[in-house]
Amino acid sequence: MRPGRLIRVARELAAVLGEGSALAGGLAVAAWGEIRATRDVDFVTALPLHDVERRLRENGIAYVARRGDVLTGDLPWVVEGDLGGVRFQVFAPRGGRPFTTVSVTPAGADTESVPVVSLEDLLRLKLEAGGPKDLWDVARLLRQHPEQLSRTRACAASLGIDDELARWLERE
């Protein structure tokens, strides 16, 4: 998928969701310097689910919402949809943890910026997700941002995945 199309969808979703929402998936990884292929747009938000649903509905964006099992460590909820042929997800952080954002102007784009989750919070979100692609993203980002290594390893240890992260770091 062409990056311009993903960026357009990211900007549109950022406008619909408003303040308190930020890119948090493959596009966020790319914004922090590790370009990788992605086919969707992921946003983390501090908004409650009913506000996300209302904003999407008011803008004519079809979606499906599902609640997670927070007792098993799942996300509280996820909203999934398709916007202009691009899949998207909007989710609340585990435990309602706060996150910080930065504004990034995508390479090759005009001056319009997109809110992106901070590097520290992106690394934490990826560790919490814990899938192979997520840990690969963490290892690749740490190669470019070694100043985050100590904090990220401590976070991985608190989640019980420090050995798994160490294996991914060895590969990089």
N, C-alpha and C. Protein backbone atom coordinates (compact mmCIF):
# COMPACT_ATOMS: atom_id res chain seq x y z
N MET A 1 0.84 -1.17 0.00
CA MET A 1 0.00 0.00 0.00
C MET A 1 0.89 1.24 0.00
N ARG A 2 0.47 2.25 -0.73
CA ARG A 2 1.27 3.47 -0.83
C ARG A 2 1.22 4.26 0.47
N PRO A 3 2.39 4.75 0.93
CA PRO A 3 2.44 5.50 2.19
C PRO A 3 1.54 6.73 2.19
N GLY A 4 1.41 7.41 1.05
CA GLY A 4 0.57 8.60 1.00
C GLY A 4 -0.87 8.31 1.37
N ARG A 5 -1.36 7.17 0.95
CA ARG A 5 -2.73 6.77 1.26
C ARG A 5 -2.90 6.53 2.76
N LEU A 6 -1.92 5.87 3.37
CA LEU A 6 -1.96 5.63 4.81
C LEU A 6 -1.90 6.94 5.58
N ILE A 7 -1.06 7.85 5.13
CA ILE A 7 -0.91 9.14 5.81
C ILE A 7 -2.20 9.95 5.70
N ARG A 8 -2.85 9.91 4.55
CA ARG A 8 -4.13 10.62 4.40
C ARG A 8 -5.17 10.08 5.38
N VAL A 9 -5.24 8.76 5.50
CA VAL A 9 -6.19 8.15 6.44
C VAL A 9 -5.80 8.51 7.87
N ALA A 10 -4.52 8.49 8.18
CA ALA A 10 -4.06 8.85 9.52
C ALA A 10 -4.45 10.29 9.85
N ARG A 11 -4.27 11.18 8.91
CA ARG A 11 -4.66 12.58 9.15
C ARG A 11 -6.16 12.71 9.35
N GLU A 12 -6.93 12.00 8.53
CA GLU A 12 -8.39 12.08 8.67
C GLU A 12 -8.84 11.55 10.02
N LEU A 13 -8.29 10.40 10.43
CA LEU A 13 -8.66 9.85 11.74
C LEU A 13 -8.21 10.76 12.87
N ALA A 14 -7.03 11.36 12.74
CA ALA A 14 -6.54 12.29 13.77
C ALA A 14 -7.51 13.46 13.91
N ALA A 15 -8.02 13.95 12.79
CA ALA A 15 -8.98 15.07 12.83
C ALA A 15 -10.30 14.64 13.46
N VAL A 16 -10.75 13.43 13.16
CA VAL A 16 -12.01 12.93 13.70
C VAL A 16 -11.88 12.67 15.21
N LEU A 17 -10.79 12.04 15.61
CA LEU A 17 -10.62 11.68 17.01
C LEU A 17 -10.25 12.87 17.88
N GLY A 18 -9.47 13.79 17.32
CA GLY A 18 -9.10 14.99 18.05
C GLY A 18 -7.99 14.76 19.06
N GLU A 19 -7.84 15.75 19.92
CA GLU A 19 -6.77 15.74 20.93
C GLU A 19 -6.90 14.53 21.85
N GLY A 20 -5.77 14.00 22.26
CA GLY A 20 -5.77 12.84 23.13
C GLY A 20 -5.70 11.53 22.38
N SER A 21 -5.43 11.59 21.08
CA SER A 21 -5.29 10.39 20.26
C SER A 21 -4.02 10.51 19.44
N ALA A 22 -3.36 9.38 19.19
CA ALA A 22 -2.09 9.42 18.47
C ALA A 22 -1.83 8.11 17.73
N LEU A 23 -1.07 8.20 16.65
CA LEU A 23 -0.64 7.00 15.92
C LEU A 23 0.14 6.10 16.87
N ALA A 24 -0.08 4.79 16.74
CA ALA A 24 0.59 3.88 17.67
C ALA A 24 1.01 2.55 17.04
N GLY A 25 0.89 2.37 15.76
CA GLY A 25 1.24 1.10 15.13
C GLY A 25 2.44 1.24 14.22
N GLY A 26 2.36 0.57 13.08
CA GLY A 26 3.47 0.59 12.13
C GLY A 26 3.85 1.98 11.65
N LEU A 27 2.86 2.86 11.48
CA LEU A 27 3.19 4.23 11.08
C LEU A 27 3.94 4.97 12.19
N ALA A 28 3.61 4.69 13.44
CA ALA A 28 4.35 5.30 14.55
C ALA A 28 5.78 4.77 14.59
N VAL A 29 5.94 3.49 14.34
CA VAL A 29 7.29 2.91 14.28
C VAL A 29 8.09 3.62 13.19
N ALA A 30 7.46 3.84 12.04
CA ALA A 30 8.13 4.53 10.94
C ALA A 30 8.46 5.97 11.32
N ALA A 31 7.55 6.62 12.03
CA ALA A 31 7.79 8.01 12.44
C ALA A 31 9.01 8.12 13.35
N TRP A 32 9.29 7.05 14.10
CA TRP A 32 10.45 7.03 14.99
C TRP A 32 11.69 6.46 14.31
N GLY A 33 11.63 6.30 12.99
CA GLY A 33 12.84 6.00 12.23
C GLY A 33 13.04 4.59 11.75
N GLU A 34 12.13 3.69 12.01
CA GLU A 34 12.28 2.31 11.56
C GLU A 34 11.19 2.02 10.54
N ILE A 35 11.51 2.24 9.28
CA ILE A 35 10.54 2.06 8.21
C ILE A 35 10.26 0.56 8.04
N ARG A 36 8.99 0.23 8.03
CA ARG A 36 8.58 -1.14 7.76
C ARG A 36 7.24 -1.12 7.07
N ALA A 37 6.94 -2.20 6.42
CA ALA A 37 5.68 -2.29 5.69
C ALA A 37 4.52 -2.37 6.67
N THR A 38 3.46 -1.68 6.34
CA THR A 38 2.22 -1.77 7.12
C THR A 38 1.06 -1.52 6.17
N ARG A 39 -0.07 -2.09 6.51
CA ARG A 39 -1.26 -1.95 5.67
C ARG A 39 -2.41 -1.28 6.39
N ASP A 40 -2.19 -0.92 7.66
CA ASP A 40 -3.29 -0.34 8.41
C ASP A 40 -2.81 0.86 9.22
N VAL A 41 -3.76 1.52 9.85
CA VAL A 41 -3.49 2.70 10.65
C VAL A 41 -4.03 2.42 12.05
N ASP A 42 -3.17 2.54 13.05
CA ASP A 42 -3.54 2.25 14.44
C ASP A 42 -3.43 3.52 15.27
N PHE A 43 -4.46 3.79 16.07
CA PHE A 43 -4.46 4.93 16.98
C PHE A 43 -4.72 4.46 18.40
N VAL A 44 -3.99 5.02 19.34
CA VAL A 44 -4.29 4.87 20.75
C VAL A 44 -5.01 6.15 21.16
N THR A 45 -5.97 6.02 22.07
CA THR A 45 -6.72 7.20 22.47
C THR A 45 -7.05 7.18 23.95
N ALA A 46 -7.13 8.38 24.51
CA ALA A 46 -7.57 8.54 25.89
C ALA A 46 -9.08 8.73 25.96
N LEU A 47 -9.72 8.82 24.80
CA LEU A 47 -11.18 9.01 24.76
C LEU A 47 -11.90 7.76 25.24
N PRO A 48 -13.05 7.92 25.88
CA PRO A 48 -13.86 6.75 26.19
C PRO A 48 -14.47 6.18 24.91
N LEU A 49 -14.81 4.91 24.95
CA LEU A 49 -15.35 4.22 23.79
C LEU A 49 -16.56 4.96 23.21
N HIS A 50 -17.49 5.40 24.03
CA HIS A 50 -18.69 6.04 23.48
C HIS A 50 -18.35 7.32 22.71
N ASP A 51 -17.30 8.04 23.11
CA ASP A 51 -16.89 9.23 22.35
C ASP A 51 -16.29 8.86 21.00
N VAL A 52 -15.47 7.81 20.99
CA VAL A 52 -14.89 7.35 19.72
C VAL A 52 -16.00 6.93 18.77
N GLU A 53 -16.95 6.14 19.27
CA GLU A 53 -18.06 5.69 18.43
C GLU A 53 -18.87 6.88 17.90
N ARG A 54 -19.16 7.83 18.76
CA ARG A 54 -19.94 9.00 18.35
C ARG A 54 -19.20 9.78 17.27
N ARG A 55 -17.92 10.02 17.44
CA ARG A 55 -17.15 10.79 16.46
C ARG A 55 -17.08 10.08 15.11
N LEU A 56 -16.88 8.77 15.14
CA LEU A 56 -16.84 8.02 13.88
C LEU A 56 -18.21 8.06 13.20
N ARG A 57 -19.26 7.83 13.98
CA ARG A 57 -20.62 7.85 13.44
C ARG A 57 -20.95 9.21 12.83
N GLU A 58 -20.62 10.29 13.54
CA GLU A 58 -20.90 11.64 13.05
C GLU A 58 -20.17 11.95 11.75
N ASN A 59 -19.07 11.25 11.51
CA ASN A 59 -18.29 11.48 10.29
C ASN A 59 -18.55 10.41 9.23
N GLY A 60 -19.58 9.59 9.44
CA GLY A 60 -19.97 8.60 8.45
C GLY A 60 -18.97 7.47 8.26
N ILE A 61 -18.22 7.17 9.30
CA ILE A 61 -17.19 6.12 9.22
C ILE A 61 -17.73 4.85 9.88
N ALA A 62 -17.83 3.78 9.09
CA ALA A 62 -18.33 2.50 9.60
C ALA A 62 -17.27 1.85 10.47
N TYR A 63 -17.71 1.17 11.52
CA TYR A 63 -16.78 0.53 12.45
C TYR A 63 -17.47 -0.61 13.17
N VAL A 64 -16.67 -1.42 13.82
CA VAL A 64 -17.14 -2.47 14.72
C VAL A 64 -16.32 -2.32 15.99
N ALA A 65 -17.01 -2.35 17.12
CA ALA A 65 -16.33 -2.24 18.42
C ALA A 65 -16.40 -3.57 19.15
N ARG A 66 -15.31 -3.90 19.82
CA ARG A 66 -15.33 -5.09 20.67
C ARG A 66 -14.65 -4.75 21.98
N ARG A 67 -15.17 -5.33 23.03
CA ARG A 67 -14.57 -5.14 24.36
C ARG A 67 -13.62 -6.29 24.63
N GLY A 68 -12.52 -5.96 25.30
CA GLY A 68 -11.55 -6.98 25.67
C GLY A 68 -11.78 -7.45 27.09
N ASP A 69 -11.08 -8.50 27.45
CA ASP A 69 -11.15 -9.04 28.80
C ASP A 69 -9.97 -8.47 29.58
N VAL A 70 -10.20 -7.37 30.29
CA VAL A 70 -9.11 -6.70 30.99
C VAL A 70 -8.52 -7.56 32.11
N LEU A 71 -9.29 -8.54 32.60
CA LEU A 71 -8.78 -9.42 33.65
C LEU A 71 -7.66 -10.33 33.12
N THR A 72 -7.65 -10.56 31.83
CA THR A 72 -6.59 -11.39 31.24
C THR A 72 -5.50 -10.53 30.60
N GLY A 73 -5.56 -9.22 30.81
CA GLY A 73 -4.53 -8.33 30.26
C GLY A 73 -4.84 -7.82 28.87
N ASP A 74 -6.04 -8.09 28.38
CA ASP A 74 -6.43 -7.63 27.05
C ASP A 74 -6.67 -6.12 27.09
N LEU A 75 -6.72 -5.52 25.91
CA LEU A 75 -7.09 -4.11 25.82
C LEU A 75 -8.53 -3.94 26.29
N PRO A 76 -8.88 -2.79 26.88
CA PRO A 76 -10.26 -2.60 27.32
C PRO A 76 -11.26 -2.70 26.17
N TRP A 77 -10.89 -2.12 25.03
CA TRP A 77 -11.74 -2.17 23.85
C TRP A 77 -10.91 -1.81 22.62
N VAL A 78 -11.43 -2.23 21.46
CA VAL A 78 -10.83 -1.92 20.17
C VAL A 78 -11.95 -1.61 19.20
N VAL A 79 -11.77 -0.57 18.41
CA VAL A 79 -12.70 -0.22 17.35
C VAL A 79 -11.96 -0.46 16.04
N GLU A 80 -12.58 -1.21 15.14
CA GLU A 80 -11.97 -1.52 13.85
C GLU A 80 -12.88 -1.04 12.73
N GLY A 81 -12.27 -0.62 11.65
CA GLY A 81 -13.05 -0.18 10.51
C GLY A 81 -12.20 -0.07 9.27
N ASP A 82 -12.81 0.50 8.24
CA ASP A 82 -12.15 0.68 6.96
C ASP A 82 -12.47 2.11 6.51
N LEU A 83 -11.45 2.84 6.15
CA LEU A 83 -11.62 4.20 5.70
C LEU A 83 -10.88 4.36 4.38
N GLY A 84 -11.62 4.55 3.31
CA GLY A 84 -10.99 4.71 2.00
C GLY A 84 -10.18 3.50 1.57
N GLY A 85 -10.63 2.30 1.97
CA GLY A 85 -9.91 1.08 1.60
C GLY A 85 -8.72 0.77 2.50
N VAL A 86 -8.56 1.52 3.58
CA VAL A 86 -7.47 1.28 4.53
C VAL A 86 -8.07 0.85 5.86
N ARG A 87 -7.62 -0.30 6.36
CA ARG A 87 -8.08 -0.78 7.66
C ARG A 87 -7.52 0.11 8.77
N PHE A 88 -8.32 0.30 9.81
CA PHE A 88 -7.82 1.06 10.96
C PHE A 88 -8.30 0.42 12.25
N GLN A 89 -7.56 0.72 13.31
CA GLN A 89 -7.93 0.33 14.66
C GLN A 89 -7.73 1.53 15.56
N VAL A 90 -8.64 1.68 16.50
CA VAL A 90 -8.50 2.67 17.56
C VAL A 90 -8.65 1.88 18.86
N PHE A 91 -7.74 2.09 19.79
CA PHE A 91 -7.80 1.33 21.03
C PHE A 91 -7.44 2.19 22.23
N ALA A 92 -7.92 1.75 23.38
CA ALA A 92 -7.57 2.38 24.64
C ALA A 92 -6.35 1.66 25.21
N PRO A 93 -5.46 2.38 25.87
CA PRO A 93 -4.29 1.72 26.46
C PRO A 93 -4.70 0.81 27.62
N ARG A 94 -3.95 -0.24 27.84
CA ARG A 94 -4.20 -1.13 28.97
C ARG A 94 -4.14 -0.34 30.27
N GLY A 95 -5.06 -0.63 31.15
CA GLY A 95 -5.07 0.02 32.45
C GLY A 95 -5.35 1.51 32.40
N GLY A 96 -5.77 2.02 31.24
CA GLY A 96 -6.05 3.45 31.12
C GLY A 96 -4.82 4.32 31.31
N ARG A 97 -3.64 3.72 31.12
CA ARG A 97 -2.39 4.46 31.33
C ARG A 97 -2.33 5.69 30.44
N PRO A 98 -1.84 6.79 30.99
CA PRO A 98 -1.67 7.98 30.15
C PRO A 98 -0.51 7.78 29.18
N PHE A 99 -0.52 8.53 28.12
CA PHE A 99 0.57 8.51 27.15
C PHE A 99 0.80 9.92 26.65
N THR A 100 1.97 10.16 26.12
CA THR A 100 2.28 11.47 25.59
C THR A 100 2.41 11.38 24.07
N THR A 101 2.24 12.51 23.43
CA THR A 101 2.30 12.54 21.97
C THR A 101 3.28 13.60 21.50
N VAL A 102 3.73 13.43 20.29
CA VAL A 102 4.54 14.43 19.60
C VAL A 102 3.90 14.62 18.24
N SER A 103 4.17 15.75 17.61
CA SER A 103 3.67 15.99 16.26
C SER A 103 4.78 15.70 15.27
N VAL A 104 4.47 14.92 14.26
CA VAL A 104 5.46 14.54 13.26
C VAL A 104 4.92 14.89 11.89
N THR A 105 5.76 15.48 11.07
CA THR A 105 5.41 15.71 9.67
C THR A 105 6.03 14.58 8.87
N PRO A 106 5.23 13.72 8.27
CA PRO A 106 5.77 12.58 7.53
C PRO A 106 6.71 13.02 6.41
N ALA A 107 7.75 12.24 6.21
CA ALA A 107 8.72 12.52 5.15
C ALA A 107 8.01 12.59 3.81
N GLY A 108 8.36 13.58 3.02
CA GLY A 108 7.78 13.73 1.70
C GLY A 108 6.40 14.34 1.70
N ALA A 109 5.90 14.73 2.88
CA ALA A 109 4.56 15.30 2.96
C ALA A 109 4.67 16.82 3.06
N ASP A 110 3.52 17.45 3.01
CA ASP A 110 3.51 18.90 3.18
C ASP A 110 3.74 19.22 4.66
N THR A 111 3.37 20.38 5.10
CA THR A 111 3.68 20.79 6.46
C THR A 111 2.68 20.31 7.51
N GLU A 112 1.64 19.60 7.10
CA GLU A 112 0.64 19.13 8.04
C GLU A 112 1.18 17.97 8.87
N SER A 113 1.13 18.11 10.19
CA SER A 113 1.68 17.08 11.06
C SER A 113 0.60 16.09 11.50
N VAL A 114 1.05 14.99 12.08
CA VAL A 114 0.18 13.94 12.59
C VAL A 114 0.62 13.66 14.02
N PRO A 115 -0.32 13.51 14.97
CA PRO A 115 0.09 13.18 16.33
C PRO A 115 0.58 11.72 16.39
N VAL A 116 1.72 11.53 17.04
CA VAL A 116 2.33 10.21 17.17
C VAL A 116 2.64 9.99 18.65
N VAL A 117 2.40 8.79 19.13
CA VAL A 117 2.70 8.47 20.52
C VAL A 117 4.22 8.62 20.74
N SER A 118 4.61 9.07 21.92
CA SER A 118 6.03 9.26 22.22
C SER A 118 6.77 7.93 22.10
N LEU A 119 8.07 8.01 21.88
CA LEU A 119 8.87 6.80 21.71
C LEU A 119 8.78 5.91 22.94
N GLU A 120 8.92 6.48 24.11
CA GLU A 120 8.85 5.68 25.34
C GLU A 120 7.51 4.95 25.45
N ASP A 121 6.42 5.66 25.16
CA ASP A 121 5.11 5.03 25.25
C ASP A 121 4.88 4.02 24.13
N LEU A 122 5.41 4.29 22.94
CA LEU A 122 5.30 3.33 21.85
C LEU A 122 6.00 2.02 22.22
N LEU A 123 7.19 2.13 22.78
CA LEU A 123 7.92 0.92 23.20
C LEU A 123 7.11 0.15 24.24
N ARG A 124 6.51 0.85 25.20
CA ARG A 124 5.70 0.18 26.22
C ARG A 124 4.48 -0.49 25.59
N LEU A 125 3.78 0.21 24.69
CA LEU A 125 2.61 -0.38 24.03
C LEU A 125 2.99 -1.63 23.25
N LYS A 126 4.12 -1.57 22.55
CA LYS A 126 4.57 -2.73 21.77
C LYS A 126 4.92 -3.90 22.69
N LEU A 127 5.58 -3.61 23.83
CA LEU A 127 5.89 -4.68 24.78
C LEU A 127 4.61 -5.28 25.35
N GLU A 128 3.65 -4.45 25.67
CA GLU A 128 2.39 -4.96 26.21
C GLU A 128 1.66 -5.84 25.20
N ALA A 129 1.73 -5.47 23.91
CA ALA A 129 1.11 -6.30 22.87
C ALA A 129 1.84 -7.64 22.79
N GLY A 130 3.16 -7.59 22.83
CA GLY A 130 3.98 -8.78 22.98
C GLY A 130 4.04 -9.77 21.83
N GLY A 131 3.46 -9.45 20.69
CA GLY A 131 3.53 -10.36 19.56
C GLY A 131 4.90 -10.31 18.88
N PRO A 132 5.19 -11.29 18.01
CA PRO A 132 6.48 -11.30 17.33
C PRO A 132 6.78 -10.01 16.57
N LYS A 133 5.81 -9.49 15.83
CA LYS A 133 6.03 -8.25 15.08
C LYS A 133 6.29 -7.08 16.04
N ASP A 134 5.58 -7.08 17.18
CA ASP A 134 5.76 -6.02 18.17
C ASP A 134 7.16 -6.05 18.76
N LEU A 135 7.62 -7.23 19.14
CA LEU A 135 8.96 -7.34 19.73
C LEU A 135 10.05 -7.07 18.69
N TRP A 136 9.79 -7.43 17.46
CA TRP A 136 10.73 -7.09 16.39
C TRP A 136 10.81 -5.57 16.25
N ASP A 137 9.65 -4.90 16.28
CA ASP A 137 9.62 -3.44 16.23
C ASP A 137 10.43 -2.85 17.37
N VAL A 138 10.25 -3.37 18.59
CA VAL A 138 10.98 -2.86 19.75
C VAL A 138 12.48 -3.02 19.54
N ALA A 139 12.91 -4.20 19.11
CA ALA A 139 14.33 -4.43 18.90
C ALA A 139 14.91 -3.50 17.85
N ARG A 140 14.19 -3.31 16.78
CA ARG A 140 14.65 -2.41 15.71
C ARG A 140 14.69 -0.96 16.17
N LEU A 141 13.70 -0.53 16.92
CA LEU A 141 13.68 0.84 17.44
C LEU A 141 14.81 1.07 18.43
N LEU A 142 15.09 0.06 19.26
CA LEU A 142 16.17 0.21 20.24
C LEU A 142 17.54 0.29 19.56
N ARG A 143 17.67 -0.32 18.41
CA ARG A 143 18.92 -0.20 17.66
C ARG A 143 19.16 1.26 17.28
N GLN A 144 18.10 1.97 16.95
CA GLN A 144 18.23 3.37 16.56
C GLN A 144 18.18 4.32 17.75
N HIS A 145 17.61 3.86 18.85
CA HIS A 145 17.46 4.71 20.03
C HIS A 145 17.99 3.97 21.26
N PRO A 146 19.30 3.71 21.32
CA PRO A 146 19.87 2.92 22.42
C PRO A 146 19.69 3.57 23.80
N GLU A 147 19.43 4.85 23.84
CA GLU A 147 19.21 5.53 25.12
C GLU A 147 17.94 5.02 25.82
N GLN A 148 17.08 4.32 25.09
CA GLN A 148 15.85 3.77 25.65
C GLN A 148 16.01 2.33 26.15
N LEU A 149 17.19 1.75 25.95
CA LEU A 149 17.39 0.32 26.24
C LEU A 149 17.12 -0.03 27.70
N SER A 150 17.72 0.68 28.63
CA SER A 150 17.57 0.34 30.05
C SER A 150 16.12 0.41 30.50
N ARG A 151 15.44 1.49 30.16
CA ARG A 151 14.04 1.66 30.56
C ARG A 151 13.16 0.59 29.90
N THR A 152 13.43 0.28 28.64
CA THR A 152 12.62 -0.70 27.93
C THR A 152 12.83 -2.10 28.48
N ARG A 153 14.06 -2.42 28.83
CA ARG A 153 14.32 -3.75 29.42
C ARG A 153 13.64 -3.88 30.78
N ALA A 154 13.62 -2.79 31.55
CA ALA A 154 12.94 -2.82 32.85
C ALA A 154 11.43 -3.03 32.64
N CYS A 155 10.87 -2.37 31.65
CA CYS A 155 9.45 -2.54 31.34
C CYS A 155 9.17 -3.99 30.92
N ALA A 156 10.04 -4.55 30.07
CA ALA A 156 9.87 -5.94 29.64
C ALA A 156 9.94 -6.88 30.85
N ALA A 157 10.85 -6.61 31.78
CA ALA A 157 10.96 -7.45 32.98
C ALA A 157 9.68 -7.38 33.81
N SER A 158 9.10 -6.18 33.92
CA SER A 158 7.87 -6.03 34.70
C SER A 158 6.70 -6.78 34.06
N LEU A 159 6.78 -6.99 32.75
CA LEU A 159 5.74 -7.72 32.03
C LEU A 159 6.05 -9.22 31.92
N GLY A 160 7.22 -9.63 32.42
CA GLY A 160 7.61 -11.04 32.36
C GLY A 160 8.06 -11.51 30.99
N ILE A 161 8.50 -10.58 30.13
CA ILE A 161 8.93 -10.97 28.79
C ILE A 161 10.37 -10.54 28.52
N ASP A 162 11.16 -10.35 29.58
CA ASP A 162 12.54 -9.89 29.40
C ASP A 162 13.39 -10.89 28.63
N ASP A 163 13.21 -12.18 28.86
CA ASP A 163 13.99 -13.18 28.12
C ASP A 163 13.62 -13.17 26.64
N GLU A 164 12.33 -13.03 26.36
CA GLU A 164 11.88 -12.99 24.97
C GLU A 164 12.43 -11.75 24.26
N LEU A 165 12.39 -10.60 24.93
CA LEU A 165 12.95 -9.39 24.34
C LEU A 165 14.45 -9.56 24.12
N ALA A 166 15.14 -10.16 25.05
CA ALA A 166 16.60 -10.37 24.92
C ALA A 166 16.90 -11.19 23.66
N ARG A 167 16.08 -12.20 23.37
CA ARG A 167 16.30 -12.99 22.15
C ARG A 167 16.14 -12.13 20.90
N TRP A 168 15.15 -11.26 20.89
CA TRP A 168 14.96 -10.37 19.73
C TRP A 168 16.12 -9.37 19.62
N LEU A 169 16.61 -8.89 20.75
CA LEU A 169 17.73 -7.95 20.71
C LEU A 169 19.00 -8.62 20.19
N GLU A 170 19.20 -9.90 20.52
CA GLU A 170 20.35 -10.63 20.02
C GLU A 170 20.32 -10.76 18.51
N ARG A 171 19.13 -10.90 17.96
CA ARG A 171 19.00 -11.02 16.49
C ARG A 171 19.37 -9.73 15.79
N GLU A 172 19.13 -8.62 16.47
CA GLU A 172 19.41 -7.31 15.87
C GLU A 172 20.85 -6.93 16.12
